[in-house]
């Protein structure tokens, strides 16, 4: 569940940014977000 808090747009109106208040998980893997993997120091980290 995500409740929209604020919607912003890029000055050229090419991109939207939605700020939300999230309850629960959003990713089908069970993580809070699907952006949970990062590439740091030459390796993948969770």
PDB file of N, CA and C in Angstrom:
ATOM      1  N   UNK A   1       0.853  -1.169   0.000  1.00  0.00           N
ATOM      2  CA  UNK A   1       0.000   0.000   0.000  1.00  0.00           C
ATOM      3  C   UNK A   1       0.900   1.234   0.000  1.00  0.00           C
ATOM      4  N   UNK A   2       0.641   2.148  -0.890  1.00  0.00           N
ATOM      5  CA  UNK A   2       1.397   3.398  -0.955  1.00  0.00           C
ATOM      6  C   UNK A   2       0.416   4.564  -1.008  1.00  0.00           C
ATOM      7  N   UNK A   3       0.628   5.527  -0.108  1.00  0.00           N
ATOM      8  CA  UNK A   3      -0.208   6.732  -0.073  1.00  0.00           C
ATOM      9  C   UNK A   3       0.615   7.867  -0.661  1.00  0.00           C
ATOM     10  N   UNK A   4       0.098   8.521  -1.673  1.00  0.00           N
ATOM     11  CA  UNK A   4       0.802   9.622  -2.316  1.00  0.00           C
ATOM     12  C   UNK A   4       0.910  10.805  -1.363  1.00  0.00           C
ATOM     13  N   UNK A   5       2.144  11.244  -1.104  1.00  0.00           N
ATOM     14  CA  UNK A   5       2.407  12.379  -0.233  1.00  0.00           C
ATOM     15  C   UNK A   5       2.619  13.631  -1.078  1.00  0.00           C
ATOM     16  N   UNK A   6       3.386  13.476  -2.147  1.00  0.00           N
ATOM     17  CA  UNK A   6       3.704  14.628  -2.987  1.00  0.00           C
ATOM     18  C   UNK A   6       4.080  14.157  -4.382  1.00  0.00           C
ATOM     19  N   UNK A   7       3.705  14.920  -5.389  1.00  0.00           N
ATOM     20  CA  UNK A   7       4.089  14.643  -6.761  1.00  0.00           C
ATOM     21  C   UNK A   7       4.870  15.848  -7.277  1.00  0.00           C
ATOM     22  N   UNK A   8       6.083  15.595  -7.765  1.00  0.00           N
ATOM     23  CA  UNK A   8       6.925  16.660  -8.311  1.00  0.00           C
ATOM     24  C   UNK A   8       7.226  16.338  -9.767  1.00  0.00           C
ATOM     25  N   UNK A   9       7.519  17.364 -10.553  1.00  0.00           N
ATOM     26  CA  UNK A   9       7.927  17.121 -11.925  1.00  0.00           C
ATOM     27  C   UNK A   9       9.149  17.950 -12.276  1.00  0.00           C
ATOM     28  N   UNK A  10       9.956  17.373 -13.152  1.00  0.00           N
ATOM     29  CA  UNK A  10      11.180  17.986 -13.645  1.00  0.00           C
ATOM     30  C   UNK A  10      10.836  19.283 -14.369  1.00  0.00           C
ATOM     31  N   UNK A  11      11.723  20.254 -14.337  1.00  0.00           N
ATOM     32  CA  UNK A  11      11.439  21.577 -14.896  1.00  0.00           C
ATOM     33  C   UNK A  11      11.036  21.540 -16.372  1.00  0.00           C
ATOM     34  N   UNK A  12      11.481  20.532 -17.111  1.00  0.00           N
ATOM     35  CA  UNK A  12      11.093  20.409 -18.522  1.00  0.00           C
ATOM     36  C   UNK A  12       9.913  19.454 -18.691  1.00  0.00           C
ATOM     37  N   UNK A  13       9.332  19.035 -17.590  1.00  0.00           N
ATOM     38  CA  UNK A  13       8.168  18.139 -17.553  1.00  0.00           C
ATOM     39  C   UNK A  13       8.442  16.801 -18.236  1.00  0.00           C
ATOM     40  N   UNK A  14       9.702  16.332 -18.190  1.00  0.00           N
ATOM     41  CA  UNK A  14      10.061  15.060 -18.813  1.00  0.00           C
ATOM     42  C   UNK A  14      10.072  13.911 -17.805  1.00  0.00           C
ATOM     43  N   UNK A  15      10.038  14.227 -16.507  1.00  0.00           N
ATOM     44  CA  UNK A  15      10.137  13.197 -15.479  1.00  0.00           C
ATOM     45  C   UNK A  15       9.208  13.528 -14.316  1.00  0.00           C
ATOM     46  N   UNK A  16       8.592  12.492 -13.753  1.00  0.00           N
ATOM     47  CA  UNK A  16       7.769  12.649 -12.563  1.00  0.00           C
ATOM     48  C   UNK A  16       8.458  11.982 -11.379  1.00  0.00           C
ATOM     49  N   UNK A  17       8.330  12.567 -10.205  1.00  0.00           N
ATOM     50  CA  UNK A  17       8.827  11.992  -8.960  1.00  0.00           C
ATOM     51  C   UNK A  17       7.646  11.918  -8.000  1.00  0.00           C
ATOM     52  N   UNK A  18       7.308  10.711  -7.575  1.00  0.00           N
ATOM     53  CA  UNK A  18       6.218  10.529  -6.626  1.00  0.00           C
ATOM     54  C   UNK A  18       6.806  10.168  -5.278  1.00  0.00           C
ATOM     55  N   UNK A  19       6.499  10.958  -4.261  1.00  0.00           N
ATOM     56  CA  UNK A  19       6.918  10.687  -2.894  1.00  0.00           C
ATOM     57  C   UNK A  19       5.736  10.026  -2.195  1.00  0.00           C
ATOM     58  N   UNK A  20       5.979   8.846  -1.624  1.00  0.00           N
ATOM     59  CA  UNK A  20       4.885   8.083  -1.036  1.00  0.00           C
ATOM     60  C   UNK A  20       5.207   7.674   0.396  1.00  0.00           C
ATOM     61  N   UNK A  21       4.171   7.411   1.148  1.00  0.00           N
ATOM     62  CA  UNK A  21       4.269   6.800   2.469  1.00  0.00           C
ATOM     63  C   UNK A  21       3.860   5.350   2.261  1.00  0.00           C
ATOM     64  N   UNK A  22       4.806   4.433   2.431  1.00  0.00           N
ATOM     65  CA  UNK A  22       4.580   3.032   2.090  1.00  0.00           C
ATOM     66  C   UNK A  22       4.318   2.180   3.324  1.00  0.00           C
ATOM     67  N   UNK A  23       3.322   1.314   3.210  1.00  0.00           N
ATOM     68  CA  UNK A  23       3.019   0.331   4.238  1.00  0.00           C
ATOM     69  C   UNK A  23       3.276  -1.052   3.648  1.00  0.00           C
ATOM     70  N   UNK A  24       4.131  -1.827   4.289  1.00  0.00           N
ATOM     71  CA  UNK A  24       4.412  -3.166   3.791  1.00  0.00           C
ATOM     72  C   UNK A  24       5.474  -3.174   2.704  1.00  0.00           C
ATOM     73  N   UNK A  25       5.494  -4.250   1.909  1.00  0.00           N
ATOM     74  CA  UNK A  25       6.501  -4.415   0.859  1.00  0.00           C
ATOM     75  C   UNK A  25       5.919  -4.034  -0.492  1.00  0.00           C
ATOM     76  N   UNK A  26       6.819  -3.666  -1.420  1.00  0.00           N
ATOM     77  CA  UNK A  26       6.383  -3.296  -2.763  1.00  0.00           C
ATOM     78  C   UNK A  26       6.922  -4.248  -3.819  1.00  0.00           C
ATOM     79  N   UNK A  27       7.940  -5.020  -3.473  1.00  0.00           N
ATOM     80  CA  UNK A  27       8.591  -5.901  -4.446  1.00  0.00           C
ATOM     81  C   UNK A  27       8.058  -7.329  -4.316  1.00  0.00           C
ATOM     82  N   UNK A  28       7.927  -8.008  -5.443  1.00  0.00           N
ATOM     83  CA  UNK A  28       7.429  -9.382  -5.404  1.00  0.00           C
ATOM     84  C   UNK A  28       8.413 -10.358  -4.761  1.00  0.00           C
ATOM     85  N   UNK A  29       9.638  -9.899  -4.447  1.00  0.00           N
ATOM     86  CA  UNK A  29      10.615 -10.741  -3.755  1.00  0.00           C
ATOM     87  C   UNK A  29      10.441 -10.680  -2.237  1.00  0.00           C
ATOM     88  N   UNK A  30       9.540  -9.794  -1.770  1.00  0.00           N
ATOM     89  CA  UNK A  30       9.316  -9.636  -0.338  1.00  0.00           C
ATOM     90  C   UNK A  30      10.113  -8.501   0.279  1.00  0.00           C
ATOM     91  N   UNK A  31      10.931  -7.813  -0.523  1.00  0.00           N
ATOM     92  CA  UNK A  31      11.683  -6.655  -0.033  1.00  0.00           C
ATOM     93  C   UNK A  31      10.802  -5.412  -0.050  1.00  0.00           C
ATOM     94  N   UNK A  32      11.180  -4.422   0.749  1.00  0.00           N
ATOM     95  CA  UNK A  32      10.430  -3.166   0.815  1.00  0.00           C
ATOM     96  C   UNK A  32      10.397  -2.473  -0.541  1.00  0.00           C
ATOM     97  N   UNK A  33      11.502  -2.570  -1.301  1.00  0.00           N
ATOM     98  CA  UNK A  33      11.603  -1.984  -2.628  1.00  0.00           C
ATOM     99  C   UNK A  33      12.303  -2.978  -3.543  1.00  0.00           C
ATOM    100  N   UNK A  34      12.140  -2.845  -4.832  1.00  0.00           N
ATOM    101  CA  UNK A  34      12.845  -3.707  -5.784  1.00  0.00           C
ATOM    102  C   UNK A  34      14.264  -3.205  -6.037  1.00  0.00           C
ATOM    103  N   UNK A  35      14.625  -2.044  -5.502  1.00  0.00           N
ATOM    104  CA  UNK A  35      15.969  -1.476  -5.657  1.00  0.00           C
ATOM    105  C   UNK A  35      16.800  -1.781  -4.410  1.00  0.00           C
ATOM    106  N   UNK A  36      16.950  -3.051  -4.067  1.00  0.00           N
ATOM    107  CA  UNK A  36      17.676  -3.442  -2.860  1.00  0.00           C
ATOM    108  C   UNK A  36      19.089  -3.942  -3.148  1.00  0.00           C
ATOM    109  N   UNK A  37      19.469  -4.065  -4.427  1.00  0.00           N
ATOM    110  CA  UNK A  37      20.800  -4.539  -4.788  1.00  0.00           C
ATOM    111  C   UNK A  37      21.641  -3.365  -5.268  1.00  0.00           C
ATOM    112  N   UNK A  38      22.867  -3.280  -4.760  1.00  0.00           N
ATOM    113  CA  UNK A  38      23.774  -2.191  -5.147  1.00  0.00           C
ATOM    114  C   UNK A  38      25.092  -2.781  -5.606  1.00  0.00           C
ATOM    115  N   UNK A  39      25.796  -2.051  -6.442  1.00  0.00           N
ATOM    116  CA  UNK A  39      27.132  -2.440  -6.890  1.00  0.00           C
ATOM    117  C   UNK A  39      28.116  -1.513  -6.207  1.00  0.00           C
ATOM    118  N   UNK A  40      28.894  -2.045  -5.250  1.00  0.00           N
ATOM    119  CA  UNK A  40      29.841  -1.237  -4.477  1.00  0.00           C
ATOM    120  C   UNK A  40      31.169  -1.962  -4.373  1.00  0.00           C
ATOM    121  N   UNK A  41      32.231  -1.219  -4.472  1.00  0.00           N
ATOM    122  CA  UNK A  41      33.586  -1.770  -4.298  1.00  0.00           C
ATOM    123  C   UNK A  41      33.829  -3.007  -5.155  1.00  0.00           C
ATOM    124  N   UNK A  42      33.313  -2.979  -6.376  1.00  0.00           N
ATOM    125  CA  UNK A  42      33.563  -4.074  -7.309  1.00  0.00           C
ATOM    126  C   UNK A  42      32.725  -5.308  -7.097  1.00  0.00           C
ATOM    127  N   UNK A  43      31.702  -5.242  -6.249  1.00  0.00           N
ATOM    128  CA  UNK A  43      30.869  -6.414  -6.025  1.00  0.00           C
ATOM    129  C   UNK A  43      29.440  -6.062  -5.697  1.00  0.00           C
ATOM    130  N   UNK A  44      28.589  -7.044  -5.833  1.00  0.00           N
ATOM    131  CA  UNK A  44      27.169  -6.867  -5.574  1.00  0.00           C
ATOM    132  C   UNK A  44      26.896  -7.017  -4.086  1.00  0.00           C
ATOM    133  N   UNK A  45      26.096  -6.120  -3.522  1.00  0.00           N
ATOM    134  CA  UNK A  45      25.708  -6.207  -2.116  1.00  0.00           C
ATOM    135  C   UNK A  45      24.212  -6.050  -1.975  1.00  0.00           C
ATOM    136  N   UNK A  46      23.669  -6.630  -0.927  1.00  0.00           N
ATOM    137  CA  UNK A  46      22.231  -6.494  -0.650  1.00  0.00           C
ATOM    138  C   UNK A  46      22.034  -5.524   0.476  1.00  0.00           C
TER     139      UNK A  46
END
